[in-house]
Amino acid sequence: MKTKMGLHEKENKAVKELGDAINTAIESSAVVADALEHLRRLGYEADLNVKLEIRLQEVEEPIEEPLESVELELTEEDLRTLRRMKIRVDD
């Protein structure tokens, strides 16, 4: 059964998970927290509204590989960013 947006329940769940993950990343970002604190020190309180628009483009053959088979090349900056987001990367 398709929903109002024309997506199946499985796709809606995946899009919601992505939105939640982005929201969590913003909330737990040390960079965002530092910028908000800087505004507070200047005498302002930020009212932050972020609009998230996710568009999906269907691919001919969905990739359904297990995560173990994916190899990433991460720079030191990538690793620092992931650590700030409290994401652990196993070697």
C-alpha atoms as a PDB file:
ATOM      1  CA  MET A   1       0.000   0.000   0.000  1.00  0.00           C
ATOM      2  CA  LYS A   2       1.387   3.416  -0.991  1.00  0.00           C
ATOM      3  CA  THR A   3       1.050   6.416   1.287  1.00  0.00           C
ATOM      4  CA  LYS A   4       0.149  10.006   0.411  1.00  0.00           C
ATOM      5  CA  MET A   5       3.703  10.687  -0.701  1.00  0.00           C
ATOM      6  CA  GLY A   6       3.608   7.717  -3.045  1.00  0.00           C
ATOM      7  CA  LEU A   7       6.097   5.686  -1.037  1.00  0.00           C
ATOM      8  CA  HIS A   8       5.688   2.296   0.519  1.00  0.00           C
ATOM      9  CA  GLU A   9       5.842   1.873   4.266  1.00  0.00           C
ATOM     10  CA  LYS A  10       9.413   0.524   4.093  1.00  0.00           C
ATOM     11  CA  GLU A  11      10.638   3.596   2.189  1.00  0.00           C
ATOM     12  CA  ASN A  12       8.790   5.954   4.553  1.00  0.00           C
ATOM     13  CA  LYS A  13      10.488   4.279   7.508  1.00  0.00           C
ATOM     14  CA  ALA A  14      13.908   4.624   5.851  1.00  0.00           C
ATOM     15  CA  VAL A  15      13.306   8.329   5.114  1.00  0.00           C
ATOM     16  CA  LYS A  16      12.162   8.905   8.718  1.00  0.00           C
ATOM     17  CA  GLU A  17      15.304   7.128   9.989  1.00  0.00           C
ATOM     18  CA  LEU A  18      17.428   9.436   7.825  1.00  0.00           C
ATOM     19  CA  GLY A  19      15.639  12.514   9.138  1.00  0.00           C
ATOM     20  CA  ASP A  20      16.029  11.327  12.725  1.00  0.00           C
ATOM     21  CA  ALA A  21      19.731  10.597  12.149  1.00  0.00           C
ATOM     22  CA  ILE A  22      20.326  14.069  10.716  1.00  0.00           C
ATOM     23  CA  ASN A  23      18.436  15.676  13.601  1.00  0.00           C
ATOM     24  CA  THR A  24      20.473  13.679  16.131  1.00  0.00           C
ATOM     25  CA  ALA A  25      23.715  14.622  14.369  1.00  0.00           C
ATOM     26  CA  ILE A  26      22.830  18.321  14.523  1.00  0.00           C
ATOM     27  CA  GLU A  27      21.750  18.117  18.166  1.00  0.00           C
ATOM     28  CA  SER A  28      24.913  16.310  19.245  1.00  0.00           C
ATOM     29  CA  SER A  29      27.330  18.279  17.052  1.00  0.00           C
ATOM     30  CA  ALA A  30      30.089  19.959  19.030  1.00  0.00           C
ATOM     31  CA  VAL A  31      30.445  22.530  16.253  1.00  0.00           C
ATOM     32  CA  VAL A  32      26.753  23.497  16.485  1.00  0.00           C
ATOM     33  CA  ALA A  33      26.930  23.567  20.295  1.00  0.00           C
ATOM     34  CA  ASP A  34      29.991  25.846  20.150  1.00  0.00           C
ATOM     35  CA  ALA A  35      28.278  28.216  17.711  1.00  0.00           C
ATOM     36  CA  LEU A  36      25.155  28.373  19.900  1.00  0.00           C
ATOM     37  CA  GLU A  37      27.290  29.051  22.967  1.00  0.00           C
ATOM     38  CA  HIS A  38      29.087  31.840  21.135  1.00  0.00           C
ATOM     39  CA  LEU A  39      25.717  33.470  20.368  1.00  0.00           C
ATOM     40  CA  ARG A  40      24.732  33.141  24.044  1.00  0.00           C
ATOM     41  CA  ARG A  41      27.955  34.866  25.120  1.00  0.00           C
ATOM     42  CA  LEU A  42      27.048  37.702  22.762  1.00  0.00           C
ATOM     43  CA  GLY A  43      23.676  37.990  24.519  1.00  0.00           C
ATOM     44  CA  TYR A  44      21.440  36.105  22.085  1.00  0.00           C
ATOM     45  CA  GLU A  45      19.433  32.919  22.298  1.00  0.00           C
ATOM     46  CA  ALA A  46      19.039  31.155  18.954  1.00  0.00           C
ATOM     47  CA  ASP A  47      15.645  29.867  17.823  1.00  0.00           C
ATOM     48  CA  LEU A  48      16.782  27.249  15.351  1.00  0.00           C
ATOM     49  CA  ASN A  49      14.411  25.915  12.699  1.00  0.00           C
ATOM     50  CA  VAL A  50      15.879  23.591  10.110  1.00  0.00           C
ATOM     51  CA  LYS A  51      13.778  22.521   7.154  1.00  0.00           C
ATOM     52  CA  LEU A  52      14.732  19.103   5.855  1.00  0.00           C
ATOM     53  CA  GLU A  53      13.574  18.093   2.417  1.00  0.00           C
ATOM     54  CA  ILE A  54      14.429  14.587   1.268  1.00  0.00           C
ATOM     55  CA  ARG A  55      13.926  13.561  -2.338  1.00  0.00           C
ATOM     56  CA  LEU A  56      14.312   9.985  -3.427  1.00  0.00           C
ATOM     57  CA  GLN A  57      15.426   8.871  -6.851  1.00  0.00           C
ATOM     58  CA  GLU A  58      14.725   5.254  -7.634  1.00  0.00           C
ATOM     59  CA  VAL A  59      17.664   3.277  -9.008  1.00  0.00           C
ATOM     60  CA  GLU A  60      17.339   0.389 -11.416  1.00  0.00           C
ATOM     61  CA  GLU A  61      18.959  -2.174  -9.145  1.00  0.00           C
ATOM     62  CA  PRO A  62      18.869  -1.432  -5.407  1.00  0.00           C
ATOM     63  CA  ILE A  63      22.142  -2.192  -3.647  1.00  0.00           C
ATOM     64  CA  GLU A  64      21.538  -4.698  -0.872  1.00  0.00           C
ATOM     65  CA  GLU A  65      25.080  -5.533   0.200  1.00  0.00           C
ATOM     66  CA  PRO A  66      25.850  -6.267   3.832  1.00  0.00           C
ATOM     67  CA  LEU A  67      27.643  -3.371   5.521  1.00  0.00           C
ATOM     68  CA  GLU A  68      30.679  -5.535   6.169  1.00  0.00           C
ATOM     69  CA  SER A  69      31.472  -5.531   2.447  1.00  0.00           C
ATOM     70  CA  VAL A  70      31.607  -1.731   2.179  1.00  0.00           C
ATOM     71  CA  GLU A  71      35.045  -0.161   2.476  1.00  0.00           C
ATOM     72  CA  LEU A  72      35.435   3.506   3.360  1.00  0.00           C
ATOM     73  CA  GLU A  73      38.504   5.665   3.046  1.00  0.00           C
ATOM     74  CA  LEU A  74      38.276   8.140   5.923  1.00  0.00           C
ATOM     75  CA  THR A  75      40.548  11.098   6.476  1.00  0.00           C
ATOM     76  CA  GLU A  76      41.622  12.224   9.937  1.00  0.00           C
ATOM     77  CA  GLU A  77      39.098  15.078   9.644  1.00  0.00           C
ATOM     78  CA  ASP A  78      36.354  12.525   8.841  1.00  0.00           C
ATOM     79  CA  LEU A  79      37.297  10.535  11.931  1.00  0.00           C
ATOM     80  CA  ARG A  80      37.312  13.638  14.161  1.00  0.00           C
ATOM     81  CA  THR A  81      33.868  14.618  12.878  1.00  0.00           C
ATOM     82  CA  LEU A  82      32.497  11.139  13.506  1.00  0.00           C
ATOM     83  CA  ARG A  83      33.972  11.115  17.025  1.00  0.00           C
ATOM     84  CA  ARG A  84      32.348  14.488  17.776  1.00  0.00           C
ATOM     85  CA  MET A  85      29.050  12.944  16.642  1.00  0.00           C
ATOM     86  CA  LYS A  86      29.742  10.022  18.994  1.00  0.00           C
ATOM     87  CA  ILE A  87      30.015   7.576  16.080  1.00  0.00           C
ATOM     88  CA  ARG A  88      32.618   4.861  16.574  1.00  0.00           C
ATOM     89  CA  VAL A  89      34.463   3.454  13.583  1.00  0.00           C
ATOM     90  CA  ASP A  90      35.906  -0.036  13.960  1.00  0.00           C
ATOM     91  CA  ASP A  91      39.059  -0.921  12.027  1.00  0.00           C
END
